[in-house]
N, C-alpha and C. Protein backbone atom coordinates (compact mmCIF):
# COMPACT_ATOMS: atom_id res chain seq x y z
N MET A 1 99.48 113.52 55.64
CA MET A 1 98.12 113.03 55.72
C MET A 1 97.27 114.07 56.44
N ILE A 2 96.16 114.40 55.87
CA ILE A 2 95.25 115.41 56.42
C ILE A 2 94.07 114.68 57.06
N ILE A 3 93.79 115.03 58.30
CA ILE A 3 92.69 114.40 59.02
C ILE A 3 91.48 115.34 58.88
N SER A 4 90.37 114.76 58.51
CA SER A 4 89.18 115.57 58.29
C SER A 4 88.59 116.05 59.61
N ARG A 5 87.87 117.14 59.49
CA ARG A 5 87.24 117.77 60.65
C ARG A 5 86.20 116.83 61.27
N SER A 6 85.45 116.13 60.46
CA SER A 6 84.41 115.24 60.99
C SER A 6 85.05 114.04 61.72
N PHE A 7 86.19 113.57 61.22
CA PHE A 7 86.90 112.49 61.91
C PHE A 7 87.36 112.95 63.29
N MET A 8 87.87 114.15 63.37
CA MET A 8 88.33 114.68 64.66
C MET A 8 87.16 114.83 65.64
N LYS A 9 86.03 115.31 65.16
CA LYS A 9 84.86 115.46 66.00
C LYS A 9 84.41 114.08 66.51
N THR A 10 84.41 113.12 65.63
CA THR A 10 83.98 111.77 66.02
C THR A 10 84.94 111.15 67.04
N ALA A 11 86.22 111.32 66.79
CA ALA A 11 87.24 110.82 67.73
C ALA A 11 87.12 111.48 69.11
N MET A 12 86.86 112.78 69.14
CA MET A 12 86.69 113.47 70.40
C MET A 12 85.43 112.99 71.11
N LEU A 13 84.37 112.80 70.37
CA LEU A 13 83.12 112.32 70.96
C LEU A 13 83.29 110.92 71.54
N VAL A 14 83.95 110.04 70.81
CA VAL A 14 84.18 108.67 71.28
C VAL A 14 85.07 108.72 72.55
N SER A 15 86.10 109.53 72.52
CA SER A 15 86.97 109.67 73.68
C SER A 15 86.20 110.20 74.91
N MET A 16 85.37 111.18 74.70
CA MET A 16 84.60 111.72 75.82
C MET A 16 83.59 110.68 76.34
N MET A 17 83.01 109.91 75.46
CA MET A 17 82.06 108.87 75.90
C MET A 17 82.79 107.77 76.71
N MET A 18 83.95 107.39 76.23
CA MET A 18 84.71 106.36 76.96
C MET A 18 85.16 106.91 78.30
N GLY A 19 85.65 108.12 78.33
CA GLY A 19 86.06 108.72 79.59
C GLY A 19 84.90 108.82 80.58
N SER A 20 83.72 109.20 80.07
CA SER A 20 82.54 109.31 80.92
C SER A 20 82.16 107.93 81.47
N TRP A 21 82.24 106.90 80.62
CA TRP A 21 81.91 105.55 81.07
C TRP A 21 82.87 105.09 82.18
N HIS A 22 84.17 105.31 81.99
CA HIS A 22 85.15 104.93 83.00
C HIS A 22 84.94 105.71 84.31
N PHE A 23 84.65 106.97 84.19
CA PHE A 23 84.37 107.80 85.39
C PHE A 23 83.13 107.29 86.12
N ALA A 24 82.07 106.99 85.38
CA ALA A 24 80.84 106.51 85.97
C ALA A 24 81.06 105.13 86.64
N HIS A 25 81.84 104.27 86.01
CA HIS A 25 82.12 102.95 86.56
C HIS A 25 82.90 103.10 87.88
N ALA A 26 83.92 103.94 87.88
CA ALA A 26 84.72 104.15 89.12
C ALA A 26 83.85 104.78 90.20
N THR A 27 83.03 105.72 89.85
CA THR A 27 82.14 106.36 90.82
C THR A 27 81.16 105.36 91.40
N TRP A 28 80.65 104.46 90.55
CA TRP A 28 79.72 103.42 91.01
C TRP A 28 80.37 102.52 92.05
N ILE A 29 81.63 102.11 91.83
CA ILE A 29 82.34 101.27 92.78
C ILE A 29 82.49 101.98 94.14
N TYR A 30 82.85 103.22 94.13
CA TYR A 30 83.02 103.97 95.39
C TYR A 30 81.66 104.17 96.08
N CYS A 31 80.62 104.40 95.31
CA CYS A 31 79.28 104.57 95.89
C CYS A 31 78.81 103.28 96.55
N LYS A 32 79.06 102.12 95.87
CA LYS A 32 78.69 100.86 96.46
C LYS A 32 79.45 100.61 97.76
N ALA A 33 80.73 100.91 97.80
CA ALA A 33 81.55 100.70 98.99
C ALA A 33 81.03 101.60 100.13
N TYR A 34 80.71 102.84 99.80
CA TYR A 34 80.19 103.77 100.78
C TYR A 34 78.88 103.29 101.36
N ALA A 35 77.97 102.90 100.50
CA ALA A 35 76.67 102.37 100.94
C ALA A 35 76.84 101.10 101.75
N ALA A 36 77.74 100.21 101.32
CA ALA A 36 77.97 98.97 102.03
C ALA A 36 78.43 99.22 103.46
N SER A 37 79.27 100.22 103.67
CA SER A 37 79.75 100.46 105.04
C SER A 37 78.57 100.82 105.97
N PHE A 38 77.60 101.55 105.49
CA PHE A 38 76.42 101.86 106.30
C PHE A 38 75.56 100.63 106.53
N LEU A 39 75.39 99.82 105.50
CA LEU A 39 74.58 98.60 105.64
C LEU A 39 75.24 97.62 106.60
N ILE A 40 76.56 97.51 106.54
CA ILE A 40 77.29 96.60 107.46
C ILE A 40 77.17 97.12 108.89
N HIS A 41 77.30 98.41 109.07
CA HIS A 41 77.16 99.02 110.41
C HIS A 41 75.77 98.74 110.96
N ASP A 42 74.72 98.95 110.15
CA ASP A 42 73.36 98.70 110.61
C ASP A 42 73.14 97.23 110.94
N ALA A 43 73.72 96.35 110.13
CA ALA A 43 73.58 94.90 110.40
C ALA A 43 74.29 94.54 111.70
N TRP A 44 75.42 95.19 111.98
CA TRP A 44 76.14 94.93 113.24
C TRP A 44 75.30 95.39 114.44
N LEU A 45 74.71 96.57 114.33
CA LEU A 45 73.86 97.05 115.42
C LEU A 45 72.67 96.13 115.65
N ALA A 46 72.10 95.60 114.58
CA ALA A 46 71.00 94.65 114.69
C ALA A 46 71.48 93.36 115.36
N THR A 47 72.69 92.92 115.02
CA THR A 47 73.26 91.70 115.64
C THR A 47 73.44 91.92 117.13
N LEU A 48 73.95 93.08 117.51
CA LEU A 48 74.12 93.34 118.94
C LEU A 48 72.78 93.38 119.66
N HIS A 49 71.76 93.87 118.98
CA HIS A 49 70.45 93.99 119.59
C HIS A 49 69.73 92.64 119.73
N ASN A 50 69.71 91.86 118.66
CA ASN A 50 68.92 90.60 118.71
C ASN A 50 69.77 89.33 118.80
N LYS A 51 71.10 89.50 118.92
CA LYS A 51 72.03 88.35 119.13
C LYS A 51 71.90 87.29 118.05
N ASP A 52 71.57 87.69 116.82
CA ASP A 52 71.38 86.74 115.73
C ASP A 52 72.15 87.25 114.49
N VAL A 53 72.34 86.38 113.52
CA VAL A 53 73.03 86.75 112.28
C VAL A 53 72.15 87.72 111.50
N ASN A 54 72.74 88.83 111.09
CA ASN A 54 72.04 89.83 110.28
C ASN A 54 72.92 90.17 109.09
N LYS A 55 72.46 89.78 107.92
CA LYS A 55 73.22 90.10 106.71
C LYS A 55 72.99 91.56 106.34
N PRO A 56 74.07 92.22 105.84
CA PRO A 56 73.89 93.63 105.49
C PRO A 56 72.98 93.86 104.27
N TRP A 57 72.87 92.90 103.37
CA TRP A 57 71.93 92.91 102.26
C TRP A 57 71.56 91.46 102.00
N SER A 58 70.43 91.22 101.40
CA SER A 58 69.85 89.86 101.33
C SER A 58 70.74 88.86 100.63
N TRP A 59 71.50 89.25 99.65
CA TRP A 59 72.35 88.32 98.89
C TRP A 59 73.80 88.26 99.40
N ALA A 60 74.08 88.93 100.48
CA ALA A 60 75.47 88.98 101.03
C ALA A 60 75.90 87.56 101.43
N ASP A 61 77.19 87.27 101.17
CA ASP A 61 77.75 85.99 101.59
C ASP A 61 78.57 86.15 102.86
N THR A 62 78.43 87.26 103.52
CA THR A 62 79.12 87.55 104.76
C THR A 62 78.20 88.38 105.66
N TRP A 63 78.57 88.48 106.92
CA TRP A 63 77.78 89.27 107.86
C TRP A 63 78.70 89.66 109.04
N PRO A 64 78.36 90.72 109.75
CA PRO A 64 79.22 91.17 110.86
C PRO A 64 79.12 90.19 112.04
N VAL A 65 80.30 89.87 112.60
CA VAL A 65 80.36 88.97 113.75
C VAL A 65 80.95 89.65 115.00
N ALA A 66 81.63 90.78 114.82
CA ALA A 66 82.28 91.47 115.93
C ALA A 66 82.80 92.82 115.47
N ASP A 67 83.30 93.56 116.43
CA ASP A 67 84.11 94.72 116.03
C ASP A 67 85.43 94.66 116.79
N ILE A 68 86.42 95.26 116.17
CA ILE A 68 87.76 95.28 116.74
C ILE A 68 88.16 96.73 116.95
N ALA A 69 88.80 96.99 118.10
CA ALA A 69 89.29 98.31 118.39
C ALA A 69 90.70 98.18 118.95
N ILE A 70 91.62 98.95 118.36
CA ILE A 70 93.00 99.03 118.85
C ILE A 70 93.27 100.49 119.06
N PRO A 71 93.01 101.00 120.29
CA PRO A 71 93.12 102.45 120.55
C PRO A 71 94.50 103.03 120.25
N SER A 72 95.58 102.29 120.49
CA SER A 72 96.93 102.86 120.32
C SER A 72 97.23 103.24 118.87
N ILE A 73 96.55 102.62 117.90
CA ILE A 73 96.80 102.95 116.49
C ILE A 73 95.52 103.50 115.84
N ASP A 74 94.54 103.82 116.65
CA ASP A 74 93.27 104.40 116.18
C ASP A 74 92.60 103.53 115.10
N LEU A 75 92.56 102.21 115.39
CA LEU A 75 91.91 101.31 114.44
C LEU A 75 90.59 100.84 115.05
N LYS A 76 89.53 100.95 114.30
CA LYS A 76 88.21 100.46 114.71
C LYS A 76 87.53 99.96 113.44
N GLU A 77 87.21 98.69 113.41
CA GLU A 77 86.57 98.07 112.23
C GLU A 77 85.56 97.06 112.66
N ILE A 78 84.61 96.77 111.78
CA ILE A 78 83.67 95.70 111.99
C ILE A 78 84.24 94.44 111.32
N ILE A 79 84.26 93.35 112.06
CA ILE A 79 84.78 92.08 111.55
C ILE A 79 83.66 91.30 110.89
N LEU A 80 83.92 90.77 109.72
CA LEU A 80 82.95 90.00 108.98
C LEU A 80 83.22 88.53 109.07
N SER A 81 82.24 87.71 108.79
CA SER A 81 82.37 86.26 108.79
C SER A 81 83.07 85.83 107.51
N GLY A 82 84.17 85.06 107.67
CA GLY A 82 84.90 84.56 106.52
C GLY A 82 85.95 85.55 106.05
N ASP A 83 86.95 84.98 105.36
CA ASP A 83 88.02 85.85 104.84
C ASP A 83 88.25 85.62 103.37
N SER A 84 87.17 85.42 102.65
CA SER A 84 87.27 85.32 101.18
C SER A 84 87.53 86.72 100.62
N GLY A 85 87.91 86.78 99.39
CA GLY A 85 88.16 88.07 98.76
C GLY A 85 86.91 88.95 98.78
N ALA A 86 85.72 88.32 98.62
CA ALA A 86 84.47 89.09 98.63
C ALA A 86 84.24 89.72 100.01
N SER A 87 84.53 88.98 101.05
CA SER A 87 84.36 89.52 102.41
C SER A 87 85.36 90.60 102.72
N LEU A 88 86.65 90.33 102.39
CA LEU A 88 87.73 91.26 102.74
C LEU A 88 87.61 92.59 101.99
N ALA A 89 86.84 92.61 100.91
CA ALA A 89 86.64 93.87 100.21
C ALA A 89 85.89 94.87 101.08
N PHE A 90 85.10 94.36 102.05
CA PHE A 90 84.27 95.22 102.89
C PHE A 90 84.78 95.41 104.30
N GLY A 91 85.77 94.61 104.72
CA GLY A 91 86.32 94.75 106.07
C GLY A 91 87.14 93.52 106.45
N PRO A 92 87.76 93.57 107.63
CA PRO A 92 88.54 92.39 108.07
C PRO A 92 87.60 91.21 108.25
N GLY A 93 88.17 90.00 108.06
CA GLY A 93 87.35 88.82 108.12
C GLY A 93 87.86 87.82 109.14
N LEU A 94 86.92 87.16 109.81
CA LEU A 94 87.24 86.06 110.73
C LEU A 94 87.40 84.81 109.92
N SER A 95 88.62 84.26 109.91
CA SER A 95 88.91 83.05 109.13
C SER A 95 88.18 81.84 109.70
N LEU A 96 87.65 81.04 108.80
CA LEU A 96 87.00 79.80 109.21
C LEU A 96 88.04 78.76 109.61
N ALA A 97 89.34 79.04 109.36
CA ALA A 97 90.42 78.14 109.76
C ALA A 97 90.70 78.21 111.24
N GLY A 98 90.24 79.28 111.90
CA GLY A 98 90.43 79.44 113.34
C GLY A 98 89.15 79.17 114.10
N ASP A 99 89.17 79.47 115.37
CA ASP A 99 88.02 79.27 116.25
C ASP A 99 87.05 80.47 116.17
N ASP A 100 85.86 80.27 116.68
CA ASP A 100 84.89 81.32 116.80
C ASP A 100 85.42 82.36 117.79
N LEU A 101 85.05 83.62 117.65
CA LEU A 101 85.56 84.67 118.52
C LEU A 101 85.16 84.48 119.99
N ASP A 102 84.11 83.76 120.26
CA ASP A 102 83.71 83.50 121.63
C ASP A 102 84.24 82.17 122.14
N GLY A 103 85.00 81.47 121.29
CA GLY A 103 85.55 80.16 121.67
C GLY A 103 86.91 80.32 122.38
N ASN A 104 87.49 79.18 122.77
CA ASN A 104 88.75 79.19 123.50
C ASN A 104 89.96 78.85 122.65
N GLY A 105 89.76 78.51 121.38
CA GLY A 105 90.87 78.18 120.49
C GLY A 105 91.46 79.45 119.85
N VAL A 106 92.42 79.23 118.97
CA VAL A 106 93.06 80.35 118.29
C VAL A 106 92.09 80.98 117.28
N LYS A 107 91.95 82.27 117.37
CA LYS A 107 91.09 83.02 116.43
C LYS A 107 92.00 83.72 115.44
N LEU A 108 91.61 83.73 114.17
CA LEU A 108 92.43 84.33 113.12
C LEU A 108 91.60 85.35 112.35
N ILE A 109 92.06 86.60 112.36
CA ILE A 109 91.40 87.69 111.65
C ILE A 109 92.36 88.25 110.61
N SER A 110 91.93 88.33 109.37
CA SER A 110 92.79 88.88 108.33
C SER A 110 92.11 90.08 107.69
N GLY A 111 92.93 90.93 107.14
CA GLY A 111 92.43 92.13 106.45
C GLY A 111 93.42 92.60 105.42
N HIS A 112 92.99 93.43 104.55
CA HIS A 112 93.85 93.96 103.47
C HIS A 112 94.85 94.97 104.04
N ARG A 113 96.10 94.90 103.60
CA ARG A 113 97.17 95.73 104.08
C ARG A 113 97.04 97.19 103.63
N ASP A 114 96.27 97.41 102.55
CA ASP A 114 96.15 98.75 101.99
C ASP A 114 94.85 99.45 102.33
N THR A 115 93.98 98.76 103.09
CA THR A 115 92.73 99.40 103.49
C THR A 115 92.49 99.20 105.00
N HIS A 116 91.70 98.21 105.36
CA HIS A 116 91.23 98.05 106.75
C HIS A 116 92.33 97.75 107.77
N PHE A 117 93.38 97.07 107.35
CA PHE A 117 94.45 96.74 108.30
C PHE A 117 95.74 97.51 108.00
N ARG A 118 95.65 98.60 107.31
CA ARG A 118 96.83 99.42 106.99
C ARG A 118 97.51 99.94 108.28
N LYS A 119 96.71 100.28 109.26
CA LYS A 119 97.25 100.84 110.51
C LYS A 119 98.02 99.81 111.36
N LEU A 120 97.88 98.50 111.03
CA LEU A 120 98.62 97.49 111.78
C LEU A 120 100.12 97.68 111.72
N GLN A 121 100.61 98.35 110.70
CA GLN A 121 102.06 98.57 110.61
C GLN A 121 102.59 99.41 111.74
N HIS A 122 101.72 100.06 112.49
CA HIS A 122 102.13 100.90 113.61
C HIS A 122 101.92 100.24 114.98
N ILE A 123 101.47 99.00 115.00
CA ILE A 123 101.20 98.33 116.26
C ILE A 123 102.48 97.98 117.00
N ASN A 124 102.42 97.90 118.31
CA ASN A 124 103.61 97.60 119.14
C ASN A 124 103.30 96.49 120.14
N ILE A 125 104.36 95.86 120.63
CA ILE A 125 104.24 94.87 121.68
C ILE A 125 103.53 95.54 122.89
N ASN A 126 102.66 94.80 123.54
CA ASN A 126 101.86 95.21 124.70
C ASN A 126 100.68 96.12 124.37
N ASP A 127 100.46 96.48 123.10
CA ASP A 127 99.26 97.22 122.75
C ASP A 127 98.04 96.35 123.09
N VAL A 128 96.96 96.99 123.42
CA VAL A 128 95.74 96.29 123.80
C VAL A 128 94.74 96.29 122.62
N ILE A 129 94.09 95.11 122.44
CA ILE A 129 93.11 94.94 121.37
C ILE A 129 91.79 94.52 122.04
N PHE A 130 90.70 95.18 121.65
CA PHE A 130 89.39 94.84 122.16
C PHE A 130 88.56 94.21 121.04
N ILE A 131 87.94 93.06 121.31
CA ILE A 131 87.07 92.41 120.37
C ILE A 131 85.68 92.34 121.06
N LYS A 132 84.71 92.94 120.39
CA LYS A 132 83.34 92.95 120.92
C LYS A 132 82.46 92.08 120.05
N THR A 133 81.86 91.06 120.64
CA THR A 133 80.89 90.21 119.98
C THR A 133 79.52 90.47 120.60
N ALA A 134 78.51 89.80 120.09
CA ALA A 134 77.17 89.92 120.67
C ALA A 134 77.12 89.37 122.11
N LYS A 135 78.11 88.55 122.48
CA LYS A 135 78.14 87.96 123.82
C LYS A 135 79.00 88.74 124.80
N GLY A 136 79.78 89.71 124.34
CA GLY A 136 80.56 90.50 125.27
C GLY A 136 81.86 90.97 124.66
N ILE A 137 82.73 91.54 125.52
CA ILE A 137 83.99 92.11 125.08
C ILE A 137 85.15 91.27 125.63
N ARG A 138 86.10 90.96 124.77
CA ARG A 138 87.33 90.26 125.19
C ARG A 138 88.51 91.19 124.92
N GLN A 139 89.51 91.10 125.78
CA GLN A 139 90.67 91.98 125.68
C GLN A 139 91.91 91.12 125.45
N TYR A 140 92.75 91.59 124.51
CA TYR A 140 93.99 90.90 124.17
C TYR A 140 95.17 91.85 124.26
N ARG A 141 96.34 91.31 124.51
CA ARG A 141 97.57 92.10 124.55
C ARG A 141 98.52 91.53 123.51
N VAL A 142 99.15 92.42 122.74
CA VAL A 142 100.10 91.98 121.71
C VAL A 142 101.33 91.38 122.34
N LYS A 143 101.61 90.14 121.97
CA LYS A 143 102.75 89.40 122.48
C LYS A 143 103.90 89.37 121.50
N ASP A 144 103.61 89.15 120.23
CA ASP A 144 104.62 89.05 119.16
C ASP A 144 104.16 89.75 117.90
N ILE A 145 105.13 90.27 117.18
CA ILE A 145 104.88 90.86 115.86
C ILE A 145 105.96 90.30 114.94
N GLY A 146 105.56 89.87 113.76
CA GLY A 146 106.57 89.33 112.87
C GLY A 146 106.07 89.18 111.45
N VAL A 147 106.99 88.76 110.59
CA VAL A 147 106.68 88.50 109.18
C VAL A 147 106.99 87.04 108.93
N VAL A 148 106.04 86.35 108.30
CA VAL A 148 106.20 84.91 108.01
C VAL A 148 105.92 84.64 106.56
N ASP A 149 106.31 83.44 106.11
CA ASP A 149 106.02 82.98 104.75
C ASP A 149 104.59 82.48 104.79
N GLY A 150 103.72 83.08 104.01
CA GLY A 150 102.30 82.73 104.00
C GLY A 150 102.02 81.31 103.51
N GLU A 151 102.97 80.73 102.77
CA GLU A 151 102.75 79.40 102.24
C GLU A 151 103.15 78.29 103.21
N THR A 152 104.02 78.62 104.18
CA THR A 152 104.50 77.57 105.09
C THR A 152 104.04 77.78 106.53
N TYR A 153 103.58 78.96 106.87
CA TYR A 153 103.15 79.22 108.24
C TYR A 153 101.85 78.49 108.51
N TRP A 154 101.77 77.82 109.64
CA TRP A 154 100.59 77.02 109.99
C TRP A 154 100.20 77.31 111.42
N ILE A 155 98.92 77.44 111.68
CA ILE A 155 98.42 77.67 113.02
C ILE A 155 97.87 76.38 113.58
N ASP A 156 98.43 75.94 114.70
CA ASP A 156 97.95 74.75 115.37
C ASP A 156 96.89 75.21 116.37
N ASN A 157 95.64 74.90 116.09
CA ASN A 157 94.50 75.38 116.87
C ASN A 157 94.45 74.77 118.26
N ILE A 158 95.13 73.68 118.51
CA ILE A 158 95.05 73.01 119.81
C ILE A 158 96.17 73.50 120.75
N ASP A 159 97.39 73.57 120.21
CA ASP A 159 98.55 73.89 121.06
C ASP A 159 99.26 75.13 120.52
N ALA A 160 98.56 76.25 120.49
CA ALA A 160 99.12 77.48 119.93
C ALA A 160 99.63 78.40 121.03
N ASP A 161 100.53 79.27 120.64
CA ASP A 161 101.08 80.26 121.59
C ASP A 161 100.18 81.47 121.74
N TYR A 162 99.19 81.61 120.85
CA TYR A 162 98.38 82.80 120.85
C TYR A 162 96.91 82.47 120.98
N ASP A 163 96.15 83.46 121.43
CA ASP A 163 94.69 83.33 121.50
C ASP A 163 94.01 84.00 120.30
N LEU A 164 94.65 85.05 119.79
CA LEU A 164 94.13 85.79 118.64
C LEU A 164 95.32 86.17 117.75
N ILE A 165 95.16 85.95 116.46
CA ILE A 165 96.19 86.33 115.47
C ILE A 165 95.55 87.27 114.46
N LEU A 166 96.19 88.39 114.25
CA LEU A 166 95.81 89.31 113.18
C LEU A 166 96.82 89.15 112.06
N THR A 167 96.38 89.14 110.83
CA THR A 167 97.31 88.97 109.72
C THR A 167 96.90 89.80 108.53
N THR A 168 97.91 90.22 107.79
CA THR A 168 97.71 90.95 106.53
C THR A 168 98.91 90.71 105.64
N CYS A 169 98.76 91.04 104.38
CA CYS A 169 99.90 90.88 103.45
C CYS A 169 101.03 91.83 103.82
N TYR A 170 102.22 91.51 103.41
CA TYR A 170 103.39 92.30 103.71
C TYR A 170 104.31 92.28 102.49
N PRO A 171 105.03 93.33 102.22
CA PRO A 171 105.13 94.61 102.91
C PRO A 171 103.92 95.52 102.66
N PHE A 172 103.75 96.48 103.56
CA PHE A 172 102.58 97.33 103.49
C PHE A 172 102.60 98.23 102.25
N ASP A 173 103.78 98.59 101.79
CA ASP A 173 103.86 99.52 100.65
C ASP A 173 104.18 98.80 99.34
N ALA A 174 103.93 97.48 99.28
CA ALA A 174 104.17 96.73 98.05
C ALA A 174 103.25 97.21 96.93
N LEU A 175 103.80 97.18 95.71
CA LEU A 175 103.02 97.60 94.55
C LEU A 175 102.06 96.48 94.09
N SER A 176 102.39 95.25 94.44
CA SER A 176 101.58 94.10 94.04
C SER A 176 101.05 93.38 95.30
N ALA A 177 99.86 92.87 95.17
CA ALA A 177 99.26 92.12 96.31
C ALA A 177 99.56 90.65 96.22
N SER A 178 100.44 90.24 95.34
CA SER A 178 100.68 88.82 95.13
C SER A 178 101.87 88.26 95.93
N GLY A 179 102.36 89.04 96.89
CA GLY A 179 103.48 88.60 97.68
C GLY A 179 103.15 87.42 98.59
N LYS A 180 104.16 86.69 99.00
CA LYS A 180 103.95 85.50 99.85
C LYS A 180 104.12 85.81 101.32
N GLN A 181 104.65 86.96 101.67
CA GLN A 181 104.89 87.28 103.06
C GLN A 181 103.62 87.77 103.74
N ARG A 182 103.48 87.44 105.06
CA ARG A 182 102.36 87.89 105.85
C ARG A 182 102.88 88.56 107.13
N PHE A 183 102.25 89.67 107.47
CA PHE A 183 102.52 90.37 108.72
C PHE A 183 101.60 89.75 109.77
N ILE A 184 102.21 89.27 110.86
CA ILE A 184 101.44 88.54 111.87
C ILE A 184 101.52 89.26 113.23
N VAL A 185 100.39 89.44 113.87
CA VAL A 185 100.34 90.00 115.21
C VAL A 185 99.74 88.91 116.12
N GLY A 186 100.57 88.38 117.00
CA GLY A 186 100.15 87.33 117.92
C GLY A 186 99.79 87.94 119.26
N THR A 187 98.61 87.57 119.79
CA THR A 187 98.15 88.15 121.03
C THR A 187 97.72 87.08 122.02
N ILE A 188 97.67 87.47 123.28
CA ILE A 188 97.13 86.60 124.32
C ILE A 188 95.99 87.33 125.02
N GLU A 189 95.01 86.56 125.47
CA GLU A 189 93.87 87.17 126.14
C GLU A 189 94.26 87.57 127.56
N VAL A 190 93.82 88.73 127.98
CA VAL A 190 94.12 89.21 129.35
C VAL A 190 92.85 89.39 130.13
């Protein structure tokens, strides 16, 4: 079978157009993420300044509530309100299942294992965690590190062993994000 020259030109043109579209789409996603990080940072600075909720963009369903710093593993991130997939795409999220960061109950912060909380795999017992809200800075010390079944693990907000829990999917190098295991870092306030 002989393929005509015009068919080859058309096939190459279609392939180039499809490749260009995919490249533009991927570039657009990275550009949005890059711009979002600046908008979230600016919203966090505004929150610190005026002690009020500041959305990073008008239609955002999340906003910055604190920042977290773990010097021993060089982790510094802005924590967003809620831990839905939409929120976690932009940073670690404060779960509505736990207490407010300025409250006295158990606080739960989750993040993606392959982006914002990737460095958690290097955390150790007794490492110090700093959480800064608009009301001040709280300090926590790592008490326990473990892996739990995400479907059966339950946090009792009244009688818990921890003041702050950080969680992410596990294992860190999994090819799929659909695993049931969760990496848990239990801390106490100091």
